[in-house]
Amino acid sequence: RGELAELIITPTAATIKVDGEQVQSPSA
């Protein structure tokens, strides 16, 4: 299926991308 999910973590936020949806939070 190729790429299933991506999680990006920076010192100030975390972002998850799954099935076209993107959600951000201060905490990974």
mmCIF file of all heavy atoms, coordinates in Angstrom:
data_MODEL
# 
_entry.id   MODEL 
# 
loop_
_atom_site.group_PDB 
_atom_site.id 
_atom_site.type_symbol 
_atom_site.label_atom_id 
_atom_site.label_alt_id 
_atom_site.label_comp_id 
_atom_site.label_asym_id 
_atom_site.label_entity_id 
_atom_site.label_seq_id 
_atom_site.pdbx_PDB_ins_code 
_atom_site.Cartn_x 
_atom_site.Cartn_y 
_atom_site.Cartn_z 
_atom_site.occupancy 
_atom_site.B_iso_or_equiv 
_atom_site.pdbx_formal_charge 
_atom_site.auth_seq_id 
_atom_site.auth_comp_id 
_atom_site.auth_asym_id 
_atom_site.auth_atom_id 
_atom_site.pdbx_PDB_model_num 
ATOM 1   N N   . ARG A 1 1  ? 0.801  -1.228 0.000  1.00 0.00 ? 1  ARG A N   1 
ATOM 2   C CA  . ARG A 1 1  ? 0.000  0.000  0.000  1.00 0.00 ? 1  ARG A CA  1 
ATOM 3   C C   . ARG A 1 1  ? 0.830  1.273  0.000  1.00 0.00 ? 1  ARG A C   1 
ATOM 4   O O   . ARG A 1 1  ? 0.278  2.368  -0.039 1.00 0.00 ? 1  ARG A O   1 
ATOM 5   C CB  . ARG A 1 1  ? -0.919 0.023  1.231  1.00 0.00 ? 1  ARG A CB  1 
ATOM 6   C CG  . ARG A 1 1  ? -2.047 -0.997 1.172  1.00 0.00 ? 1  ARG A CG  1 
ATOM 7   C CD  . ARG A 1 1  ? -3.052 -0.747 2.279  1.00 0.00 ? 1  ARG A CD  1 
ATOM 8   N NE  . ARG A 1 1  ? -3.642 0.598  2.176  1.00 0.00 ? 1  ARG A NE  1 
ATOM 9   C CZ  . ARG A 1 1  ? -4.322 1.162  3.169  1.00 0.00 ? 1  ARG A CZ  1 
ATOM 10  N NH1 . ARG A 1 1  ? -4.471 0.540  4.328  1.00 0.00 ? 1  ARG A NH1 1 
ATOM 11  N NH2 . ARG A 1 1  ? -4.846 2.360  3.008  1.00 0.00 ? 1  ARG A NH2 1 
ATOM 12  N N   . GLY A 1 2  ? 2.140  1.143  0.064  1.00 0.00 ? 2  GLY A N   1 
ATOM 13  C CA  . GLY A 1 2  ? 2.972  2.337  0.083  1.00 0.00 ? 2  GLY A CA  1 
ATOM 14  C C   . GLY A 1 2  ? 2.915  3.028  1.437  1.00 0.00 ? 2  GLY A C   1 
ATOM 15  O O   . GLY A 1 2  ? 2.826  2.372  2.480  1.00 0.00 ? 2  GLY A O   1 
ATOM 16  N N   . GLU A 1 3  ? 2.929  4.362  1.417  1.00 0.00 ? 3  GLU A N   1 
ATOM 17  C CA  . GLU A 1 3  ? 2.958  5.121  2.664  1.00 0.00 ? 3  GLU A CA  1 
ATOM 18  C C   . GLU A 1 3  ? 1.609  5.059  3.373  1.00 0.00 ? 3  GLU A C   1 
ATOM 19  O O   . GLU A 1 3  ? 0.571  5.354  2.797  1.00 0.00 ? 3  GLU A O   1 
ATOM 20  C CB  . GLU A 1 3  ? 3.335  6.574  2.386  1.00 0.00 ? 3  GLU A CB  1 
ATOM 21  C CG  . GLU A 1 3  ? 3.470  7.415  3.641  1.00 0.00 ? 3  GLU A CG  1 
ATOM 22  C CD  . GLU A 1 3  ? 3.962  8.820  3.349  1.00 0.00 ? 3  GLU A CD  1 
ATOM 23  O OE1 . GLU A 1 3  ? 4.928  8.960  2.570  1.00 0.00 ? 3  GLU A OE1 1 
ATOM 24  O OE2 . GLU A 1 3  ? 3.376  9.766  3.897  1.00 0.00 ? 3  GLU A OE2 1 
ATOM 25  N N   . LEU A 1 4  ? 1.638  4.677  4.653  1.00 0.00 ? 4  LEU A N   1 
ATOM 26  C CA  . LEU A 1 4  ? 0.426  4.570  5.452  1.00 0.00 ? 4  LEU A CA  1 
ATOM 27  C C   . LEU A 1 4  ? 0.233  5.752  6.389  1.00 0.00 ? 4  LEU A C   1 
ATOM 28  O O   . LEU A 1 4  ? -0.898 6.164  6.652  1.00 0.00 ? 4  LEU A O   1 
ATOM 29  C CB  . LEU A 1 4  ? 0.447  3.279  6.285  1.00 0.00 ? 4  LEU A CB  1 
ATOM 30  C CG  . LEU A 1 4  ? 0.530  1.967  5.505  1.00 0.00 ? 4  LEU A CG  1 
ATOM 31  C CD1 . LEU A 1 4  ? 0.635  0.796  6.468  1.00 0.00 ? 4  LEU A CD1 1 
ATOM 32  C CD2 . LEU A 1 4  ? -0.669 1.807  4.597  1.00 0.00 ? 4  LEU A CD2 1 
ATOM 33  N N   . ALA A 1 5  ? 1.318  6.280  6.920  1.00 0.00 ? 5  ALA A N   1 
ATOM 34  C CA  . ALA A 1 5  ? 1.211  7.386  7.871  1.00 0.00 ? 5  ALA A CA  1 
ATOM 35  C C   . ALA A 1 5  ? 2.532  8.119  7.962  1.00 0.00 ? 5  ALA A C   1 
ATOM 36  O O   . ALA A 1 5  ? 3.591  7.551  7.695  1.00 0.00 ? 5  ALA A O   1 
ATOM 37  C CB  . ALA A 1 5  ? 0.788  6.876  9.255  1.00 0.00 ? 5  ALA A CB  1 
ATOM 38  N N   . GLU A 1 6  ? 2.455  9.376  8.355  1.00 0.00 ? 6  GLU A N   1 
ATOM 39  C CA  . GLU A 1 6  ? 3.648  10.201 8.574  1.00 0.00 ? 6  GLU A CA  1 
ATOM 40  C C   . GLU A 1 6  ? 3.457  11.010 9.845  1.00 0.00 ? 6  GLU A C   1 
ATOM 41  O O   . GLU A 1 6  ? 2.407  11.618 10.054 1.00 0.00 ? 6  GLU A O   1 
ATOM 42  C CB  . GLU A 1 6  ? 3.890  11.139 7.398  1.00 0.00 ? 6  GLU A CB  1 
ATOM 43  C CG  . GLU A 1 6  ? 5.137  12.011 7.572  1.00 0.00 ? 6  GLU A CG  1 
ATOM 44  C CD  . GLU A 1 6  ? 5.367  12.938 6.400  1.00 0.00 ? 6  GLU A CD  1 
ATOM 45  O OE1 . GLU A 1 6  ? 4.403  13.164 5.624  1.00 0.00 ? 6  GLU A OE1 1 
ATOM 46  O OE2 . GLU A 1 6  ? 6.486  13.455 6.257  1.00 0.00 ? 6  GLU A OE2 1 
ATOM 47  N N   . LEU A 1 7  ? 4.466  10.985 10.698 1.00 0.00 ? 7  LEU A N   1 
ATOM 48  C CA  . LEU A 1 7  ? 4.446  11.758 11.939 1.00 0.00 ? 7  LEU A CA  1 
ATOM 49  C C   . LEU A 1 7  ? 5.638  12.703 11.931 1.00 0.00 ? 7  LEU A C   1 
ATOM 50  O O   . LEU A 1 7  ? 6.784  12.258 11.789 1.00 0.00 ? 7  LEU A O   1 
ATOM 51  C CB  . LEU A 1 7  ? 4.524  10.815 13.148 1.00 0.00 ? 7  LEU A CB  1 
ATOM 52  C CG  . LEU A 1 7  ? 4.593  11.471 14.532 1.00 0.00 ? 7  LEU A CG  1 
ATOM 53  C CD1 . LEU A 1 7  ? 3.309  12.236 14.837 1.00 0.00 ? 7  LEU A CD1 1 
ATOM 54  C CD2 . LEU A 1 7  ? 4.846  10.423 15.610 1.00 0.00 ? 7  LEU A CD2 1 
ATOM 55  N N   . ILE A 1 8  ? 5.379  13.992 12.072 1.00 0.00 ? 8  ILE A N   1 
ATOM 56  C CA  . ILE A 1 8  ? 6.431  15.007 12.128 1.00 0.00 ? 8  ILE A CA  1 
ATOM 57  C C   . ILE A 1 8  ? 6.425  15.600 13.530 1.00 0.00 ? 8  ILE A C   1 
ATOM 58  O O   . ILE A 1 8  ? 5.393  16.074 14.011 1.00 0.00 ? 8  ILE A O   1 
ATOM 59  C CB  . ILE A 1 8  ? 6.207  16.122 11.091 1.00 0.00 ? 8  ILE A CB  1 
ATOM 60  C CG1 . ILE A 1 8  ? 6.102  15.544 9.676  1.00 0.00 ? 8  ILE A CG1 1 
ATOM 61  C CG2 . ILE A 1 8  ? 7.333  17.159 11.178 1.00 0.00 ? 8  ILE A CG2 1 
ATOM 62  C CD1 . ILE A 1 8  ? 7.374  14.889 9.187  1.00 0.00 ? 8  ILE A CD1 1 
ATOM 63  N N   . ILE A 1 9  ? 7.588  15.591 14.181 1.00 0.00 ? 9  ILE A N   1 
ATOM 64  C CA  . ILE A 1 9  ? 7.706  16.107 15.547 1.00 0.00 ? 9  ILE A CA  1 
ATOM 65  C C   . ILE A 1 9  ? 8.742  17.227 15.563 1.00 0.00 ? 9  ILE A C   1 
ATOM 66  O O   . ILE A 1 9  ? 9.881  17.031 15.137 1.00 0.00 ? 9  ILE A O   1 
ATOM 67  C CB  . ILE A 1 9  ? 8.127  15.002 16.526 1.00 0.00 ? 9  ILE A CB  1 
ATOM 68  C CG1 . ILE A 1 9  ? 7.168  13.811 16.438 1.00 0.00 ? 9  ILE A CG1 1 
ATOM 69  C CG2 . ILE A 1 9  ? 8.177  15.528 17.958 1.00 0.00 ? 9  ILE A CG2 1 
ATOM 70  C CD1 . ILE A 1 9  ? 7.669  12.573 17.173 1.00 0.00 ? 9  ILE A CD1 1 
ATOM 71  N N   . THR A 1 10 ? 8.352  18.391 16.056 1.00 0.00 ? 10 THR A N   1 
ATOM 72  C CA  . THR A 1 10 ? 9.270  19.506 16.252 1.00 0.00 ? 10 THR A CA  1 
ATOM 73  C C   . THR A 1 10 ? 9.282  19.835 17.743 1.00 0.00 ? 10 THR A C   1 
ATOM 74  O O   . THR A 1 10 ? 8.493  19.297 18.514 1.00 0.00 ? 10 THR A O   1 
ATOM 75  C CB  . THR A 1 10 ? 8.834  20.737 15.447 1.00 0.00 ? 10 THR A CB  1 
ATOM 76  O OG1 . THR A 1 10 ? 7.632  21.274 16.033 1.00 0.00 ? 10 THR A OG1 1 
ATOM 77  C CG2 . THR A 1 10 ? 8.570  20.384 13.986 1.00 0.00 ? 10 THR A CG2 1 
ATOM 78  N N   . PRO A 1 11 ? 10.161 20.732 18.180 1.00 0.00 ? 11 PRO A N   1 
ATOM 79  C CA  . PRO A 1 11 ? 10.166 21.091 19.612 1.00 0.00 ? 11 PRO A CA  1 
ATOM 80  C C   . PRO A 1 11 ? 8.864  21.704 20.116 1.00 0.00 ? 11 PRO A C   1 
ATOM 81  O O   . PRO A 1 11 ? 8.618  21.724 21.323 1.00 0.00 ? 11 PRO A O   1 
ATOM 82  C CB  . PRO A 1 11 ? 11.321 22.098 19.702 1.00 0.00 ? 11 PRO A CB  1 
ATOM 83  C CG  . PRO A 1 11 ? 12.232 21.733 18.581 1.00 0.00 ? 11 PRO A CG  1 
ATOM 84  C CD  . PRO A 1 11 ? 11.327 21.297 17.471 1.00 0.00 ? 11 PRO A CD  1 
ATOM 85  N N   . THR A 1 12 ? 8.007  22.183 19.214 1.00 0.00 ? 12 THR A N   1 
ATOM 86  C CA  . THR A 1 12 ? 6.793  22.872 19.654 1.00 0.00 ? 12 THR A CA  1 
ATOM 87  C C   . THR A 1 12 ? 5.494  22.165 19.283 1.00 0.00 ? 12 THR A C   1 
ATOM 88  O O   . THR A 1 12 ? 4.435  22.525 19.799 1.00 0.00 ? 12 THR A O   1 
ATOM 89  C CB  . THR A 1 12 ? 6.738  24.292 19.070 1.00 0.00 ? 12 THR A CB  1 
ATOM 90  O OG1 . THR A 1 12 ? 6.790  24.208 17.633 1.00 0.00 ? 12 THR A OG1 1 
ATOM 91  C CG2 . THR A 1 12 ? 7.915  25.119 19.568 1.00 0.00 ? 12 THR A CG2 1 
ATOM 92  N N   . ALA A 1 13 ? 5.541  21.166 18.389 1.00 0.00 ? 13 ALA A N   1 
ATOM 93  C CA  . ALA A 1 13 ? 4.290  20.541 17.947 1.00 0.00 ? 13 ALA A CA  1 
ATOM 94  C C   . ALA A 1 13 ? 4.576  19.195 17.301 1.00 0.00 ? 13 ALA A C   1 
ATOM 95  O O   . ALA A 1 13 ? 5.708  18.874 16.944 1.00 0.00 ? 13 ALA A O   1 
ATOM 96  C CB  . ALA A 1 13 ? 3.555  21.449 16.960 1.00 0.00 ? 13 ALA A CB  1 
ATOM 97  N N   . ALA A 1 14 ? 3.508  18.419 17.149 1.00 0.00 ? 14 ALA A N   1 
ATOM 98  C CA  . ALA A 1 14 ? 3.563  17.149 16.436 1.00 0.00 ? 14 ALA A CA  1 
ATOM 99  C C   . ALA A 1 14 ? 2.390  17.092 15.476 1.00 0.00 ? 14 ALA A C   1 
ATOM 100 O O   . ALA A 1 14 ? 1.278  17.528 15.799 1.00 0.00 ? 14 ALA A O   1 
ATOM 101 C CB  . ALA A 1 14 ? 3.501  15.982 17.415 1.00 0.00 ? 14 ALA A CB  1 
ATOM 102 N N   . THR A 1 15 ? 2.635  16.573 14.275 1.00 0.00 ? 15 THR A N   1 
ATOM 103 C CA  . THR A 1 15 ? 1.601  16.481 13.247 1.00 0.00 ? 15 THR A CA  1 
ATOM 104 C C   . THR A 1 15 ? 1.577  15.068 12.693 1.00 0.00 ? 15 THR A C   1 
ATOM 105 O O   . THR A 1 15 ? 2.626  14.510 12.351 1.00 0.00 ? 15 THR A O   1 
ATOM 106 C CB  . THR A 1 15 ? 1.869  17.464 12.094 1.00 0.00 ? 15 THR A CB  1 
ATOM 107 O OG1 . THR A 1 15 ? 1.972  18.789 12.623 1.00 0.00 ? 15 THR A OG1 1 
ATOM 108 C CG2 . THR A 1 15 ? 0.753  17.417 11.072 1.00 0.00 ? 15 THR A CG2 1 
ATOM 109 N N   . ILE A 1 16 ? 0.389  14.482 12.608 1.00 0.00 ? 16 ILE A N   1 
ATOM 110 C CA  . ILE A 1 16 ? 0.239  13.158 12.014 1.00 0.00 ? 16 ILE A CA  1 
ATOM 111 C C   . ILE A 1 16 ? -0.622 13.279 10.769 1.00 0.00 ? 16 ILE A C   1 
ATOM 112 O O   . ILE A 1 16 ? -1.610 14.021 10.748 1.00 0.00 ? 16 ILE A O   1 
ATOM 113 C CB  . ILE A 1 16 ? -0.355 12.143 13.019 1.00 0.00 ? 16 ILE A CB  1 
ATOM 114 C CG1 . ILE A 1 16 ? -0.209 10.718 12.478 1.00 0.00 ? 16 ILE A CG1 1 
ATOM 115 C CG2 . ILE A 1 16 ? -1.806 12.458 13.351 1.00 0.00 ? 16 ILE A CG2 1 
ATOM 116 C CD1 . ILE A 1 16 ? -0.494 9.644  13.509 1.00 0.00 ? 16 ILE A CD1 1 
ATOM 117 N N   . LYS A 1 17 ? -0.220 12.561 9.704  1.00 0.00 ? 17 LYS A N   1 
ATOM 118 C CA  . LYS A 1 17 ? -0.970 12.539 8.448  1.00 0.00 ? 17 LYS A CA  1 
ATOM 119 C C   . LYS A 1 17 ? -1.348 11.097 8.152  1.00 0.00 ? 17 LYS A C   1 
ATOM 120 O O   . LYS A 1 17 ? -0.471 10.236 8.034  1.00 0.00 ? 17 LYS A O   1 
ATOM 121 C CB  . LYS A 1 17 ? -0.131 13.106 7.303  1.00 0.00 ? 17 LYS A CB  1 
ATOM 122 C CG  . LYS A 1 17 ? 0.331  14.541 7.506  1.00 0.00 ? 17 LYS A CG  1 
ATOM 123 C CD  . LYS A 1 17 ? 1.231  14.982 6.368  1.00 0.00 ? 17 LYS A CD  1 
ATOM 124 C CE  . LYS A 1 17 ? 1.787  16.393 6.596  1.00 0.00 ? 17 LYS A CE  1 
ATOM 125 N NZ  . LYS A 1 17 ? 2.712  16.799 5.502  1.00 0.00 ? 17 LYS A NZ  1 
ATOM 126 N N   . VAL A 1 18 ? -2.637 10.839 8.037  1.00 0.00 ? 18 VAL A N   1 
ATOM 127 C CA  . VAL A 1 18 ? -3.142 9.491  7.785  1.00 0.00 ? 18 VAL A CA  1 
ATOM 128 C C   . VAL A 1 18 ? -4.338 9.584  6.849  1.00 0.00 ? 18 VAL A C   1 
ATOM 129 O O   . VAL A 1 18 ? -5.286 10.332 7.129  1.00 0.00 ? 18 VAL A O   1 
ATOM 130 C CB  . VAL A 1 18 ? -3.568 8.787  9.094  1.00 0.00 ? 18 VAL A CB  1 
ATOM 131 C CG1 . VAL A 1 18 ? -4.078 7.382  8.789  1.00 0.00 ? 18 VAL A CG1 1 
ATOM 132 C CG2 . VAL A 1 18 ? -2.426 8.710  10.082 1.00 0.00 ? 18 VAL A CG2 1 
ATOM 133 N N   . ASP A 1 19 ? -4.295 8.845  5.732  1.00 0.00 ? 19 ASP A N   1 
ATOM 134 C CA  . ASP A 1 19 ? -5.427 8.767  4.806  1.00 0.00 ? 19 ASP A CA  1 
ATOM 135 C C   . ASP A 1 19 ? -5.972 10.143 4.429  1.00 0.00 ? 19 ASP A C   1 
ATOM 136 O O   . ASP A 1 19 ? -7.183 10.384 4.397  1.00 0.00 ? 19 ASP A O   1 
ATOM 137 C CB  . ASP A 1 19 ? -6.559 7.931  5.419  1.00 0.00 ? 19 ASP A CB  1 
ATOM 138 C CG  . ASP A 1 19 ? -6.216 6.441  5.459  1.00 0.00 ? 19 ASP A CG  1 
ATOM 139 O OD1 . ASP A 1 19 ? -5.277 6.036  4.751  1.00 0.00 ? 19 ASP A OD1 1 
ATOM 140 O OD2 . ASP A 1 19 ? -6.888 5.713  6.196  1.00 0.00 ? 19 ASP A OD2 1 
ATOM 141 N N   . GLY A 1 20 ? -5.076 11.080 4.167  1.00 0.00 ? 20 GLY A N   1 
ATOM 142 C CA  . GLY A 1 20 ? -5.484 12.415 3.753  1.00 0.00 ? 20 GLY A CA  1 
ATOM 143 C C   . GLY A 1 20 ? -5.875 13.336 4.881  1.00 0.00 ? 20 GLY A C   1 
ATOM 144 O O   . GLY A 1 20 ? -6.122 14.525 4.656  1.00 0.00 ? 20 GLY A O   1 
ATOM 145 N N   . GLU A 1 21 ? -5.909 12.830 6.111  1.00 0.00 ? 21 GLU A N   1 
ATOM 146 C CA  . GLU A 1 21 ? -6.252 13.661 7.260  1.00 0.00 ? 21 GLU A CA  1 
ATOM 147 C C   . GLU A 1 21 ? -4.973 14.097 7.963  1.00 0.00 ? 21 GLU A C   1 
ATOM 148 O O   . GLU A 1 21 ? -4.037 13.303 8.124  1.00 0.00 ? 21 GLU A O   1 
ATOM 149 C CB  . GLU A 1 21 ? -7.132 12.886 8.239  1.00 0.00 ? 21 GLU A CB  1 
ATOM 150 C CG  . GLU A 1 21 ? -7.518 13.699 9.475  1.00 0.00 ? 21 GLU A CG  1 
ATOM 151 C CD  . GLU A 1 21 ? -8.305 12.880 10.494 1.00 0.00 ? 21 GLU A CD  1 
ATOM 152 O OE1 . GLU A 1 21 ? -8.393 11.650 10.333 1.00 0.00 ? 21 GLU A OE1 1 
ATOM 153 O OE2 . GLU A 1 21 ? -8.806 13.488 11.466 1.00 0.00 ? 21 GLU A OE2 1 
ATOM 154 N N   . GLN A 1 22 ? -4.936 15.337 8.405  1.00 0.00 ? 22 GLN A N   1 
ATOM 155 C CA  . GLN A 1 22 ? -3.784 15.866 9.135  1.00 0.00 ? 22 GLN A CA  1 
ATOM 156 C C   . GLN A 1 22 ? -4.259 16.448 10.461 1.00 0.00 ? 22 GLN A C   1 
ATOM 157 O O   . GLN A 1 22 ? -5.176 17.253 10.499 1.00 0.00 ? 22 GLN A O   1 
ATOM 158 C CB  . GLN A 1 22 ? -3.090 16.943 8.313  1.00 0.00 ? 22 GLN A CB  1 
ATOM 159 C CG  . GLN A 1 22 ? -1.888 17.586 9.003  1.00 0.00 ? 22 GLN A CG  1 
ATOM 160 C CD  . GLN A 1 22 ? -1.115 18.496 8.072  1.00 0.00 ? 22 GLN A CD  1 
ATOM 161 O OE1 . GLN A 1 22 ? -0.731 18.108 6.979  1.00 0.00 ? 22 GLN A OE1 1 
ATOM 162 N NE2 . GLN A 1 22 ? -0.901 19.735 8.517  1.00 0.00 ? 22 GLN A NE2 1 
ATOM 163 N N   . VAL A 1 23 ? -3.607 16.003 11.555 1.00 0.00 ? 23 VAL A N   1 
ATOM 164 C CA  . VAL A 1 23 ? -3.973 16.449 12.893 1.00 0.00 ? 23 VAL A CA  1 
ATOM 165 C C   . VAL A 1 23 ? -2.710 16.919 13.604 1.00 0.00 ? 23 VAL A C   1 
ATOM 166 O O   . VAL A 1 23 ? -1.669 16.253 13.545 1.00 0.00 ? 23 VAL A O   1 
ATOM 167 C CB  . VAL A 1 23 ? -4.649 15.318 13.698 1.00 0.00 ? 23 VAL A CB  1 
ATOM 168 C CG1 . VAL A 1 23 ? -5.000 15.805 15.110 1.00 0.00 ? 23 VAL A CG1 1 
ATOM 169 C CG2 . VAL A 1 23 ? -5.896 14.820 12.986 1.00 0.00 ? 23 VAL A CG2 1 
ATOM 170 N N   . GLN A 1 24 ? -2.803 18.046 14.304 1.00 0.00 ? 24 GLN A N   1 
ATOM 171 C CA  . GLN A 1 24 ? -1.658 18.601 15.019 1.00 0.00 ? 24 GLN A CA  1 
ATOM 172 C C   . GLN A 1 24 ? -1.950 18.667 16.507 1.00 0.00 ? 24 GLN A C   1 
ATOM 173 O O   . GLN A 1 24 ? -3.094 18.845 16.932 1.00 0.00 ? 24 GLN A O   1 
ATOM 174 C CB  . GLN A 1 24 ? -1.329 19.997 14.488 1.00 0.00 ? 24 GLN A CB  1 
ATOM 175 C CG  . GLN A 1 24 ? -0.012 20.561 15.012 1.00 0.00 ? 24 GLN A CG  1 
ATOM 176 C CD  . GLN A 1 24 ? 0.346  21.880 14.351 1.00 0.00 ? 24 GLN A CD  1 
ATOM 177 O OE1 . GLN A 1 24 ? -0.303 22.891 14.573 1.00 0.00 ? 24 GLN A OE1 1 
ATOM 178 N NE2 . GLN A 1 24 ? 1.385  21.856 13.532 1.00 0.00 ? 24 GLN A NE2 1 
ATOM 179 N N   . SER A 1 25 ? -0.878 18.501 17.315 1.00 0.00 ? 25 SER A N   1 
ATOM 180 C CA  . SER A 1 25 ? -1.000 18.558 18.769 1.00 0.00 ? 25 SER A CA  1 
ATOM 181 C C   . SER A 1 25 ? 0.308  19.097 19.339 1.00 0.00 ? 25 SER A C   1 
ATOM 182 O O   . SER A 1 25 ? 1.369  18.939 18.734 1.00 0.00 ? 25 SER A O   1 
ATOM 183 C CB  . SER A 1 25 ? -1.290 17.158 19.326 1.00 0.00 ? 25 SER A CB  1 
ATOM 184 O OG  . SER A 1 25 ? -1.179 17.149 20.740 1.00 0.00 ? 25 SER A OG  1 
ATOM 185 N N   . PRO A 1 26 ? 0.260  19.749 20.504 1.00 0.00 ? 26 PRO A N   1 
ATOM 186 C CA  . PRO A 1 26 ? 1.512  20.184 21.137 1.00 0.00 ? 26 PRO A CA  1 
ATOM 187 C C   . PRO A 1 26 ? 2.383  19.022 21.578 1.00 0.00 ? 26 PRO A C   1 
ATOM 188 O O   . PRO A 1 26 ? 3.593  19.182 21.755 1.00 0.00 ? 26 PRO A O   1 
ATOM 189 C CB  . PRO A 1 26 ? 1.031  20.995 22.350 1.00 0.00 ? 26 PRO A CB  1 
ATOM 190 C CG  . PRO A 1 26 ? -0.390 21.337 22.069 1.00 0.00 ? 26 PRO A CG  1 
ATOM 191 C CD  . PRO A 1 26 ? -0.926 20.208 21.255 1.00 0.00 ? 26 PRO A CD  1 
ATOM 192 N N   . SER A 1 27 ? 1.804  17.844 21.769 1.00 0.00 ? 27 SER A N   1 
ATOM 193 C CA  . SER A 1 27 ? 2.529  16.700 22.322 1.00 0.00 ? 27 SER A CA  1 
ATOM 194 C C   . SER A 1 27 ? 2.483  15.512 21.375 1.00 0.00 ? 27 SER A C   1 
ATOM 195 O O   . SER A 1 27 ? 1.394  15.047 21.009 1.00 0.00 ? 27 SER A O   1 
ATOM 196 C CB  . SER A 1 27 ? 1.931  16.298 23.672 1.00 0.00 ? 27 SER A CB  1 
ATOM 197 O OG  . SER A 1 27 ? 2.350  15.002 24.060 1.00 0.00 ? 27 SER A OG  1 
ATOM 198 N N   . ALA A 1 28 ? 3.654  14.996 20.991 1.00 0.00 ? 28 ALA A N   1 
ATOM 199 C CA  . ALA A 1 28 ? 3.695  13.799 20.152 1.00 0.00 ? 28 ALA A CA  1 
ATOM 200 C C   . ALA A 1 28 ? 3.141  12.594 20.898 1.00 0.00 ? 28 ALA A C   1 
ATOM 201 O O   . ALA A 1 28 ? 2.402  11.780 20.331 1.00 0.00 ? 28 ALA A O   1 
ATOM 202 C CB  . ALA A 1 28 ? 5.126  13.530 19.699 1.00 0.00 ? 28 ALA A CB  1 
# 
